[in-house]
Every structure is written in C-alpha cells, then in structure tokens.
Amino acid sequence: NPAFELGLPVLIERARSCGIAALAINDAVHFSALWVEVEALTQAGLTGLAMCPSYATVAPTGGNGPLLGTNPFAFGWPREEQPPYVFDFAT
C-alpha cells in the first residue's frame, strides 16, 4: 500500500517519541491482507494493530441479503530472538 509506505517512517517516529501513534488512510476500502502492515511495525520493534472498513457484504444464517461485514483486523508484536507474532483475521 503506497499510502502506508509513505506514512510508515512518520508512524514509527511518532510511536517511539510519544509511546503511541495512529495512521489513518482515507478513501481506501480494503488493501489486501493486513499482516504486511503489522509485520512492518514489528520489524521496527513496535506492536501494531491494523483495521479497515467493513461494509455489509455477508448474509447472516437464514438471511437473504448482506447485513454483516467481515471485520478485518490484524495485530502483531516483536519477540526477542524469534520471528514476530502476527495474527491476521477476518470473519
């Protein structure tokens, strides 16, 4: 995601200087798997959480039209002398 790549250095710097930071990307619905973004943060030694909008695309059991979203999110954190723990999920 070019927007994330552009914002990543600032996000890392702000997280380190403030203890927490957020990056919002507007006008994007979904940009593929979310693990890539949180893994980039874990490689910088930071914990990361990524989410994207979820619109009604899934019909509930017994339903005949979309009502629920997929609620995609991912998180990850670095681990000493091991690969980072990264979890990417959507219902």
PDB file of N, CA and C in Angstrom:
ATOM      1  N   ASN A   1       0.844  -1.170   0.000  1.00  0.00           N
ATOM      2  CA  ASN A   1       0.000   0.000   0.000  1.00  0.00           C
ATOM      3  C   ASN A   1       0.895   1.241   0.000  1.00  0.00           C
ATOM      4  N   PRO A   2       0.886   2.021  -1.048  1.00  0.00           N
ATOM      5  CA  PRO A   2       1.750   3.203  -1.122  1.00  0.00           C
ATOM      6  C   PRO A   2       1.489   4.217  -0.006  1.00  0.00           C
ATOM      7  N   ALA A   3       0.233   4.384   0.393  1.00  0.00           N
ATOM      8  CA  ALA A   3      -0.069   5.336   1.467  1.00  0.00           C
ATOM      9  C   ALA A   3       0.559   4.886   2.782  1.00  0.00           C
ATOM     10  N   PHE A   4       0.497   3.592   3.066  1.00  0.00           N
ATOM     11  CA  PHE A   4       1.112   3.078   4.291  1.00  0.00           C
ATOM     12  C   PHE A   4       2.632   3.232   4.225  1.00  0.00           C
ATOM     13  N   GLU A   5       3.217   2.897   3.097  1.00  0.00           N
ATOM     14  CA  GLU A   5       4.671   3.017   2.950  1.00  0.00           C
ATOM     15  C   GLU A   5       5.121   4.461   3.142  1.00  0.00           C
ATOM     16  N   LEU A   6       4.329   5.406   2.670  1.00  0.00           N
ATOM     17  CA  LEU A   6       4.655   6.816   2.837  1.00  0.00           C
ATOM     18  C   LEU A   6       4.552   7.237   4.307  1.00  0.00           C
ATOM     19  N   GLY A   7       3.536   6.738   4.998  1.00  0.00           N
ATOM     20  CA  GLY A   7       3.317   7.126   6.387  1.00  0.00           C
ATOM     21  C   GLY A   7       4.127   6.344   7.403  1.00  0.00           C
ATOM     22  N   LEU A   8       4.664   5.182   7.020  1.00  0.00           N
ATOM     23  CA  LEU A   8       5.348   4.300   7.969  1.00  0.00           C
ATOM     24  C   LEU A   8       6.499   4.980   8.722  1.00  0.00           C
ATOM     25  N   PRO A   9       7.412   5.681   8.073  1.00  0.00           N
ATOM     26  CA  PRO A   9       8.507   6.303   8.834  1.00  0.00           C
ATOM     27  C   PRO A   9       8.014   7.304   9.886  1.00  0.00           C
ATOM     28  N   VAL A  10       6.995   8.083   9.543  1.00  0.00           N
ATOM     29  CA  VAL A  10       6.442   9.049  10.499  1.00  0.00           C
ATOM     30  C   VAL A  10       5.734   8.315  11.625  1.00  0.00           C
ATOM     31  N   LEU A  11       4.994   7.267  11.294  1.00  0.00           N
ATOM     32  CA  LEU A  11       4.299   6.468  12.309  1.00  0.00           C
ATOM     33  C   LEU A  11       5.293   5.884  13.307  1.00  0.00           C
ATOM     34  N   ILE A  12       6.384   5.324  12.815  1.00  0.00           N
ATOM     35  CA  ILE A  12       7.404   4.742  13.691  1.00  0.00           C
ATOM     36  C   ILE A  12       8.018   5.820  14.587  1.00  0.00           C
ATOM     37  N   GLU A  13       8.363   6.961  13.995  1.00  0.00           N
ATOM     38  CA  GLU A  13       8.988   8.045  14.769  1.00  0.00           C
ATOM     39  C   GLU A  13       8.039   8.548  15.854  1.00  0.00           C
ATOM     40  N   ARG A  14       6.774   8.728  15.520  1.00  0.00           N
ATOM     41  CA  ARG A  14       5.800   9.228  16.497  1.00  0.00           C
ATOM     42  C   ARG A  14       5.539   8.205  17.591  1.00  0.00           C
ATOM     43  N   ALA A  15       5.464   6.932  17.232  1.00  0.00           N
ATOM     44  CA  ALA A  15       5.252   5.891  18.245  1.00  0.00           C
ATOM     45  C   ALA A  15       6.417   5.856  19.226  1.00  0.00           C
ATOM     46  N   ARG A  16       7.622   5.998  18.718  1.00  0.00           N
ATOM     47  CA  ARG A  16       8.800   5.978  19.594  1.00  0.00           C
ATOM     48  C   ARG A  16       8.868   7.221  20.466  1.00  0.00           C
ATOM     49  N   SER A  17       8.523   8.380  19.915  1.00  0.00           N
ATOM     50  CA  SER A  17       8.645   9.614  20.694  1.00  0.00           C
ATOM     51  C   SER A  17       7.469   9.836  21.646  1.00  0.00           C
ATOM     52  N   CYS A  18       6.277   9.368  21.274  1.00  0.00           N
ATOM     53  CA  CYS A  18       5.081   9.611  22.092  1.00  0.00           C
ATOM     54  C   CYS A  18       4.611   8.376  22.868  1.00  0.00           C
ATOM     55  N   GLY A  19       5.103   7.200  22.492  1.00  0.00           N
ATOM     56  CA  GLY A  19       4.658   5.977  23.148  1.00  0.00           C
ATOM     57  C   GLY A  19       3.473   5.316  22.468  1.00  0.00           C
ATOM     58  N   ILE A  20       2.785   6.048  21.612  1.00  0.00           N
ATOM     59  CA  ILE A  20       1.649   5.520  20.861  1.00  0.00           C
ATOM     60  C   ILE A  20       1.432   6.426  19.651  1.00  0.00           C
ATOM     61  N   ALA A  21       0.955   5.867  18.566  1.00  0.00           N
ATOM     62  CA  ALA A  21       0.682   6.665  17.365  1.00  0.00           C
ATOM     63  C   ALA A  21      -0.368   5.960  16.525  1.00  0.00           C
ATOM     64  N   ALA A  22      -1.026   6.715  15.672  1.00  0.00           N
ATOM     65  CA  ALA A  22      -2.038   6.156  14.774  1.00  0.00           C
ATOM     66  C   ALA A  22      -1.841   6.737  13.384  1.00  0.00           C
ATOM     67  N   LEU A  23      -2.139   5.924  12.382  1.00  0.00           N
ATOM     68  CA  LEU A  23      -2.096   6.349  10.992  1.00  0.00           C
ATOM     69  C   LEU A  23      -3.446   6.003  10.379  1.00  0.00           C
ATOM     70  N   ALA A  24      -4.139   7.000   9.873  1.00  0.00           N
ATOM     71  CA  ALA A  24      -5.417   6.778   9.196  1.00  0.00           C
ATOM     72  C   ALA A  24      -5.222   6.994   7.706  1.00  0.00           C
ATOM     73  N   ILE A  25      -5.710   6.061   6.916  1.00  0.00           N
ATOM     74  CA  ILE A  25      -5.647   6.169   5.460  1.00  0.00           C
ATOM     75  C   ILE A  25      -7.070   6.332   4.958  1.00  0.00           C
ATOM     76  N   ASN A  26      -7.349   7.470   4.346  1.00  0.00           N
ATOM     77  CA  ASN A  26      -8.696   7.765   3.863  1.00  0.00           C
ATOM     78  C   ASN A  26      -8.890   7.279   2.428  1.00  0.00           C
ATOM     79  N   ASP A  27     -10.151   7.129   2.054  1.00  0.00           N
ATOM     80  CA  ASP A  27     -10.538   6.748   0.698  1.00  0.00           C
ATOM     81  C   ASP A  27      -9.952   5.405   0.277  1.00  0.00           C
ATOM     82  N   ALA A  28      -9.879   4.473   1.202  1.00  0.00           N
ATOM     83  CA  ALA A  28      -9.444   3.111   0.912  1.00  0.00           C
ATOM     84  C   ALA A  28     -10.452   2.166   1.552  1.00  0.00           C
ATOM     85  N   VAL A  29     -10.922   1.196   0.805  1.00  0.00           N
ATOM     86  CA  VAL A  29     -11.883   0.244   1.351  1.00  0.00           C
ATOM     87  C   VAL A  29     -11.152  -0.949   1.940  1.00  0.00           C
ATOM     88  N   HIS A  30     -10.301  -1.591   1.170  1.00  0.00           N
ATOM     89  CA  HIS A  30      -9.528  -2.728   1.649  1.00  0.00           C
ATOM     90  C   HIS A  30      -8.292  -2.817   0.790  1.00  0.00           C
ATOM     91  N   PHE A  31      -7.175  -3.085   1.407  1.00  0.00           N
ATOM     92  CA  PHE A  31      -5.935  -3.092   0.645  1.00  0.00           C
ATOM     93  C   PHE A  31      -5.247  -4.435   0.692  1.00  0.00           C
ATOM     94  N   SER A  32      -5.973  -5.517   0.872  1.00  0.00           N
ATOM     95  CA  SER A  32      -5.454  -6.876   0.856  1.00  0.00           C
ATOM     96  C   SER A  32      -5.235  -7.354   2.284  1.00  0.00           C
ATOM     97  N   ALA A  33      -4.368  -8.332   2.433  1.00  0.00           N
ATOM     98  CA  ALA A  33      -4.062  -8.860   3.763  1.00  0.00           C
ATOM     99  C   ALA A  33      -3.464  -7.758   4.633  1.00  0.00           C
ATOM    100  N   LEU A  34      -3.783  -7.776   5.909  1.00  0.00           N
ATOM    101  CA  LEU A  34      -3.320  -6.727   6.819  1.00  0.00           C
ATOM    102  C   LEU A  34      -2.023  -7.093   7.541  1.00  0.00           C
ATOM    103  N   TRP A  35      -1.600  -8.348   7.448  1.00  0.00           N
ATOM    104  CA  TRP A  35      -0.408  -8.762   8.190  1.00  0.00           C
ATOM    105  C   TRP A  35       0.845  -8.035   7.718  1.00  0.00           C
ATOM    106  N   VAL A  36       0.870  -7.630   6.470  1.00  0.00           N
ATOM    107  CA  VAL A  36       2.052  -6.958   5.924  1.00  0.00           C
ATOM    108  C   VAL A  36       2.343  -5.666   6.699  1.00  0.00           C
ATOM    109  N   GLU A  37       1.301  -4.917   6.995  1.00  0.00           N
ATOM    110  CA  GLU A  37       1.480  -3.658   7.709  1.00  0.00           C
ATOM    111  C   GLU A  37       1.916  -3.872   9.155  1.00  0.00           C
ATOM    112  N   VAL A  38       1.283  -4.806   9.860  1.00  0.00           N
ATOM    113  CA  VAL A  38       1.695  -5.005  11.256  1.00  0.00           C
ATOM    114  C   VAL A  38       3.075  -5.646  11.343  1.00  0.00           C
ATOM    115  N   GLU A  39       3.429  -6.488  10.377  1.00  0.00           N
ATOM    116  CA  GLU A  39       4.769  -7.069  10.382  1.00  0.00           C
ATOM    117  C   GLU A  39       5.827  -5.987  10.171  1.00  0.00           C
ATOM    118  N   ALA A  40       5.535  -4.997   9.341  1.00  0.00           N
ATOM    119  CA  ALA A  40       6.478  -3.887   9.148  1.00  0.00           C
ATOM    120  C   ALA A  40       6.714  -3.153  10.465  1.00  0.00           C
ATOM    121  N   LEU A  41       5.684  -3.023  11.272  1.00  0.00           N
ATOM    122  CA  LEU A  41       5.844  -2.367  12.573  1.00  0.00           C
ATOM    123  C   LEU A  41       6.629  -3.241  13.549  1.00  0.00           C
ATOM    124  N   THR A  42       6.374  -4.547  13.535  1.00  0.00           N
ATOM    125  CA  THR A  42       7.128  -5.429  14.444  1.00  0.00           C
ATOM    126  C   THR A  42       8.607  -5.450  14.084  1.00  0.00           C
ATOM    127  N   GLN A  43       8.923  -5.318  12.795  1.00  0.00           N
ATOM    128  CA  GLN A  43      10.325  -5.284  12.383  1.00  0.00           C
ATOM    129  C   GLN A  43      11.025  -4.026  12.894  1.00  0.00           C
ATOM    130  N   ALA A  44      10.249  -2.997  13.223  1.00  0.00           N
ATOM    131  CA  ALA A  44      10.796  -1.777  13.807  1.00  0.00           C
ATOM    132  C   ALA A  44      10.793  -1.868  15.335  1.00  0.00           C
ATOM    133  N   GLY A  45      10.421  -3.055  15.877  1.00  0.00           N
ATOM    134  CA  GLY A  45      10.402  -3.240  17.324  1.00  0.00           C
ATOM    135  C   GLY A  45       9.143  -2.731  17.993  1.00  0.00           C
ATOM    136  N   LEU A  46       8.090  -2.490  17.218  1.00  0.00           N
ATOM    137  CA  LEU A  46       6.839  -1.946  17.750  1.00  0.00           C
ATOM    138  C   LEU A  46       5.705  -2.960  17.648  1.00  0.00           C
ATOM    139  N   THR A  47       4.737  -2.809  18.518  1.00  0.00           N
ATOM    140  CA  THR A  47       3.499  -3.576  18.425  1.00  0.00           C
ATOM    141  C   THR A  47       2.587  -2.845  17.458  1.00  0.00           C
ATOM    142  N   GLY A  48       1.836  -3.593  16.642  1.00  0.00           N
ATOM    143  CA  GLY A  48       0.970  -2.953  15.663  1.00  0.00           C
ATOM    144  C   GLY A  48      -0.423  -3.539  15.627  1.00  0.00           C
ATOM    145  N   LEU A  49      -1.383  -2.718  15.239  1.00  0.00           N
ATOM    146  CA  LEU A  49      -2.773  -3.121  15.063  1.00  0.00           C
ATOM    147  C   LEU A  49      -3.269  -2.447  13.792  1.00  0.00           C
ATOM    148  N   ALA A  50      -3.857  -3.207  12.881  1.00  0.00           N
ATOM    149  CA  ALA A  50      -4.383  -2.649  11.634  1.00  0.00           C
ATOM    150  C   ALA A  50      -5.828  -3.091  11.446  1.00  0.00           C
ATOM    151  N   MET A  51      -6.642  -2.180  10.964  1.00  0.00           N
ATOM    152  CA  MET A  51      -8.048  -2.463  10.691  1.00  0.00           C
ATOM    153  C   MET A  51      -8.432  -1.734   9.418  1.00  0.00           C
ATOM    154  N   CYS A  52      -9.497  -2.182   8.771  1.00  0.00           N
ATOM    155  CA  CYS A  52     -10.016  -1.438   7.621  1.00  0.00           C
ATOM    156  C   CYS A  52     -11.539  -1.505   7.664  1.00  0.00           C
ATOM    157  N   PRO A  53     -12.197  -0.630   6.923  1.00  0.00           N
ATOM    158  CA  PRO A  53     -13.659  -0.591   6.948  1.00  0.00           C
ATOM    159  C   PRO A  53     -14.274  -1.937   6.576  1.00  0.00           C
ATOM    160  N   SER A  54     -15.434  -2.171   7.117  1.00  0.00           N
ATOM    161  CA  SER A  54     -16.144  -3.405   6.814  1.00  0.00           C
ATOM    162  C   SER A  54     -17.599  -3.058   6.528  1.00  0.00           C
ATOM    163  N   TYR A  55     -17.987  -3.232   5.300  1.00  0.00           N
ATOM    164  CA  TYR A  55     -19.346  -2.911   4.894  1.00  0.00           C
ATOM    165  C   TYR A  55     -20.189  -4.182   4.841  1.00  0.00           C
ATOM    166  N   ALA A  56     -21.494  -4.031   4.794  1.00  0.00           N
ATOM    167  CA  ALA A  56     -22.406  -5.171   4.747  1.00  0.00           C
ATOM    168  C   ALA A  56     -22.177  -5.960   3.458  1.00  0.00           C
ATOM    169  N   THR A  57     -21.545  -7.129   3.602  1.00  0.00           N
ATOM    170  CA  THR A  57     -21.279  -7.988   2.445  1.00  0.00           C
ATOM    171  C   THR A  57     -21.671  -9.439   2.691  1.00  0.00           C
ATOM    172  N   VAL A  58     -22.008  -9.788   3.923  1.00  0.00           N
ATOM    173  CA  VAL A  58     -22.272 -11.176   4.291  1.00  0.00           C
ATOM    174  C   VAL A  58     -23.701 -11.303   4.821  1.00  0.00           C
ATOM    175  N   ALA A  59     -24.430 -12.273   4.279  1.00  0.00           N
ATOM    176  CA  ALA A  59     -25.778 -12.539   4.782  1.00  0.00           C
ATOM    177  C   ALA A  59     -25.681 -13.414   6.024  1.00  0.00           C
ATOM    178  N   PRO A  60     -26.427 -13.097   7.085  1.00  0.00           N
ATOM    179  CA  PRO A  60     -26.418 -13.952   8.276  1.00  0.00           C
ATOM    180  C   PRO A  60     -27.107 -15.287   7.982  1.00  0.00           C
ATOM    181  N   THR A  61     -26.905 -16.259   8.834  1.00  0.00           N
ATOM    182  CA  THR A  61     -27.539 -17.567   8.675  1.00  0.00           C
ATOM    183  C   THR A  61     -29.045 -17.385   8.508  1.00  0.00           C
ATOM    184  N   GLY A  62     -29.579 -17.948   7.450  1.00  0.00           N
ATOM    185  CA  GLY A  62     -31.009 -17.837   7.172  1.00  0.00           C
ATOM    186  C   GLY A  62     -31.395 -16.550   6.469  1.00  0.00           C
ATOM    187  N   GLY A  63     -30.455 -15.655   6.290  1.00  0.00           N
ATOM    188  CA  GLY A  63     -30.759 -14.378   5.651  1.00  0.00           C
ATOM    189  C   GLY A  63     -30.713 -14.483   4.139  1.00  0.00           C
ATOM    190  N   ASN A  64     -31.275 -13.486   3.484  1.00  0.00           N
ATOM    191  CA  ASN A  64     -31.264 -13.498   2.024  1.00  0.00           C
ATOM    192  C   ASN A  64     -30.566 -12.266   1.439  1.00  0.00           C
ATOM    193  N   GLY A  65     -29.896 -11.503   2.292  1.00  0.00           N
ATOM    194  CA  GLY A  65     -29.180 -10.325   1.812  1.00  0.00           C
ATOM    195  C   GLY A  65     -28.052  -9.957   2.750  1.00  0.00           C
ATOM    196  N   PRO A  66     -27.098  -9.190   2.265  1.00  0.00           N
ATOM    197  CA  PRO A  66     -25.958  -8.815   3.102  1.00  0.00           C
ATOM    198  C   PRO A  66     -26.378  -7.930   4.271  1.00  0.00           C
ATOM    199  N   LEU A  67     -25.863  -8.237   5.443  1.00  0.00           N
ATOM    200  CA  LEU A  67     -26.153  -7.479   6.659  1.00  0.00           C
ATOM    201  C   LEU A  67     -24.887  -7.272   7.484  1.00  0.00           C
ATOM    202  N   LEU A  68     -23.974  -8.245   7.433  1.00  0.00           N
ATOM    203  CA  LEU A  68     -22.785  -8.216   8.274  1.00  0.00           C
ATOM    204  C   LEU A  68     -21.546  -7.904   7.454  1.00  0.00           C
ATOM    205  N   GLY A  69     -20.556  -7.314   8.106  1.00  0.00           N
ATOM    206  CA  GLY A  69     -19.264  -7.080   7.476  1.00  0.00           C
ATOM    207  C   GLY A  69     -18.296  -8.187   7.853  1.00  0.00           C
ATOM    208  N   THR A  70     -17.095  -8.125   7.317  1.00  0.00           N
ATOM    209  CA  THR A  70     -16.093  -9.153   7.613  1.00  0.00           C
ATOM    210  C   THR A  70     -15.164  -8.758   8.760  1.00  0.00           C
ATOM    211  N   ASN A  71     -15.221  -7.510   9.199  1.00  0.00           N
ATOM    212  CA  ASN A  71     -14.472  -7.015  10.352  1.00  0.00           C
ATOM    213  C   ASN A  71     -12.994  -7.381  10.330  1.00  0.00           C
ATOM    214  N   PRO A  72     -12.278  -7.077   9.252  1.00  0.00           N
ATOM    215  CA  PRO A  72     -10.874  -7.467   9.182  1.00  0.00           C
ATOM    216  C   PRO A  72      -9.994  -6.657  10.140  1.00  0.00           C
ATOM    217  N   PHE A  73      -9.075  -7.373  10.792  1.00  0.00           N
ATOM    218  CA  PHE A  73      -8.071  -6.712  11.621  1.00  0.00           C
ATOM    219  C   PHE A  73      -6.853  -7.619  11.720  1.00  0.00           C
ATOM    220  N   ALA A  74      -5.751  -7.033  12.077  1.00  0.00           N
ATOM    221  CA  ALA A  74      -4.513  -7.791  12.279  1.00  0.00           C
ATOM    222  C   ALA A  74      -3.737  -7.128  13.412  1.00  0.00           C
ATOM    223  N   PHE A  75      -2.976  -7.926  14.125  1.00  0.00           N
ATOM    224  CA  PHE A  75      -2.095  -7.369  15.145  1.00  0.00           C
ATOM    225  C   PHE A  75      -0.810  -8.170  15.175  1.00  0.00           C
ATOM    226  N   GLY A  76       0.205  -7.571  15.720  1.00  0.00           N
ATOM    227  CA  GLY A  76       1.488  -8.247  15.827  1.00  0.00           C
ATOM    228  C   GLY A  76       2.380  -7.561  16.838  1.00  0.00           C
ATOM    229  N   TRP A  77       3.313  -8.309  17.365  1.00  0.00           N
ATOM    230  CA  TRP A  77       4.304  -7.730  18.258  1.00  0.00           C
ATOM    231  C   TRP A  77       5.614  -8.481  18.109  1.00  0.00           C
ATOM    232  N   PRO A  78       6.698  -7.748  18.319  1.00  0.00           N
ATOM    233  CA  PRO A  78       8.024  -8.364  18.170  1.00  0.00           C
ATOM    234  C   PRO A  78       8.319  -9.300  19.336  1.00  0.00           C
ATOM    235  N   ARG A  79       9.192 -10.273  19.081  1.00  0.00           N
ATOM    236  CA  ARG A  79       9.650 -11.189  20.138  1.00  0.00           C
ATOM    237  C   ARG A  79      11.168 -11.285  20.034  1.00  0.00           C
ATOM    238  N   GLU A  80      11.809 -11.324  21.176  1.00  0.00           N
ATOM    239  CA  GLU A  80      13.271 -11.414  21.186  1.00  0.00           C
ATOM    240  C   GLU A  80      13.731 -12.751  20.622  1.00  0.00           C
ATOM    241  N   GLU A  81      14.655 -12.686  19.688  1.00  0.00           N
ATOM    242  CA  GLU A  81      15.297 -13.852  19.091  1.00  0.00           C
ATOM    243  C   GLU A  81      14.322 -14.854  18.475  1.00  0.00           C
ATOM    244  N   GLN A  82      13.149 -14.373  18.070  1.00  0.00           N
ATOM    245  CA  GLN A  82      12.148 -15.196  17.395  1.00  0.00           C
ATOM    246  C   GLN A  82      11.446 -14.328  16.361  1.00  0.00           C
ATOM    247  N   PRO A  83      10.819 -14.953  15.385  1.00  0.00           N
ATOM    248  CA  PRO A  83      10.011 -14.154  14.450  1.00  0.00           C
ATOM    249  C   PRO A  83       8.889 -13.452  15.221  1.00  0.00           C
ATOM    250  N   PRO A  84       8.386 -12.346  14.715  1.00  0.00           N
ATOM    251  CA  PRO A  84       7.288 -11.647  15.413  1.00  0.00           C
ATOM    252  C   PRO A  84       6.027 -12.502  15.420  1.00  0.00           C
ATOM    253  N   TYR A  85       5.177 -12.288  16.411  1.00  0.00           N
ATOM    254  CA  TYR A  85       3.871 -12.940  16.429  1.00  0.00           C
ATOM    255  C   TYR A  85       2.930 -12.020  15.653  1.00  0.00           C
ATOM    256  N   VAL A  86       2.355 -12.529  14.574  1.00  0.00           N
ATOM    257  CA  VAL A  86       1.469 -11.749  13.718  1.00  0.00           C
ATOM    258  C   VAL A  86       0.191 -12.548  13.491  1.00  0.00           C
ATOM    259  N   PHE A  87      -0.951 -11.892  13.659  1.00  0.00           N
ATOM    260  CA  PHE A  87      -2.265 -12.517  13.514  1.00  0.00           C
ATOM    261  C   PHE A  87      -3.111 -11.657  12.586  1.00  0.00           C
ATOM    262  N   ASP A  88      -3.644 -12.237  11.512  1.00  0.00           N
ATOM    263  CA  ASP A  88      -4.468 -11.543  10.534  1.00  0.00           C
ATOM    264  C   ASP A  88      -5.809 -12.254  10.473  1.00  0.00           C
ATOM    265  N   PHE A  89      -6.894 -11.526  10.632  1.00  0.00           N
ATOM    266  CA  PHE A  89      -8.188 -12.172  10.796  1.00  0.00           C
ATOM    267  C   PHE A  89      -9.309 -11.391  10.110  1.00  0.00           C
ATOM    268  N   ALA A  90     -10.220 -12.106   9.522  1.00  0.00           N
ATOM    269  CA  ALA A  90     -11.496 -11.555   9.053  1.00  0.00           C
ATOM    270  C   ALA A  90     -12.523 -12.674   9.170  1.00  0.00           C
ATOM    271  N   THR A  91     -13.730 -12.330   9.591  1.00  0.00           N
ATOM    272  CA  THR A  91     -14.770 -13.361   9.766  1.00  0.00           C
ATOM    273  C   THR A  91     -15.264 -13.863   8.430  1.00  0.00           C
TER     274      THR A  91
END
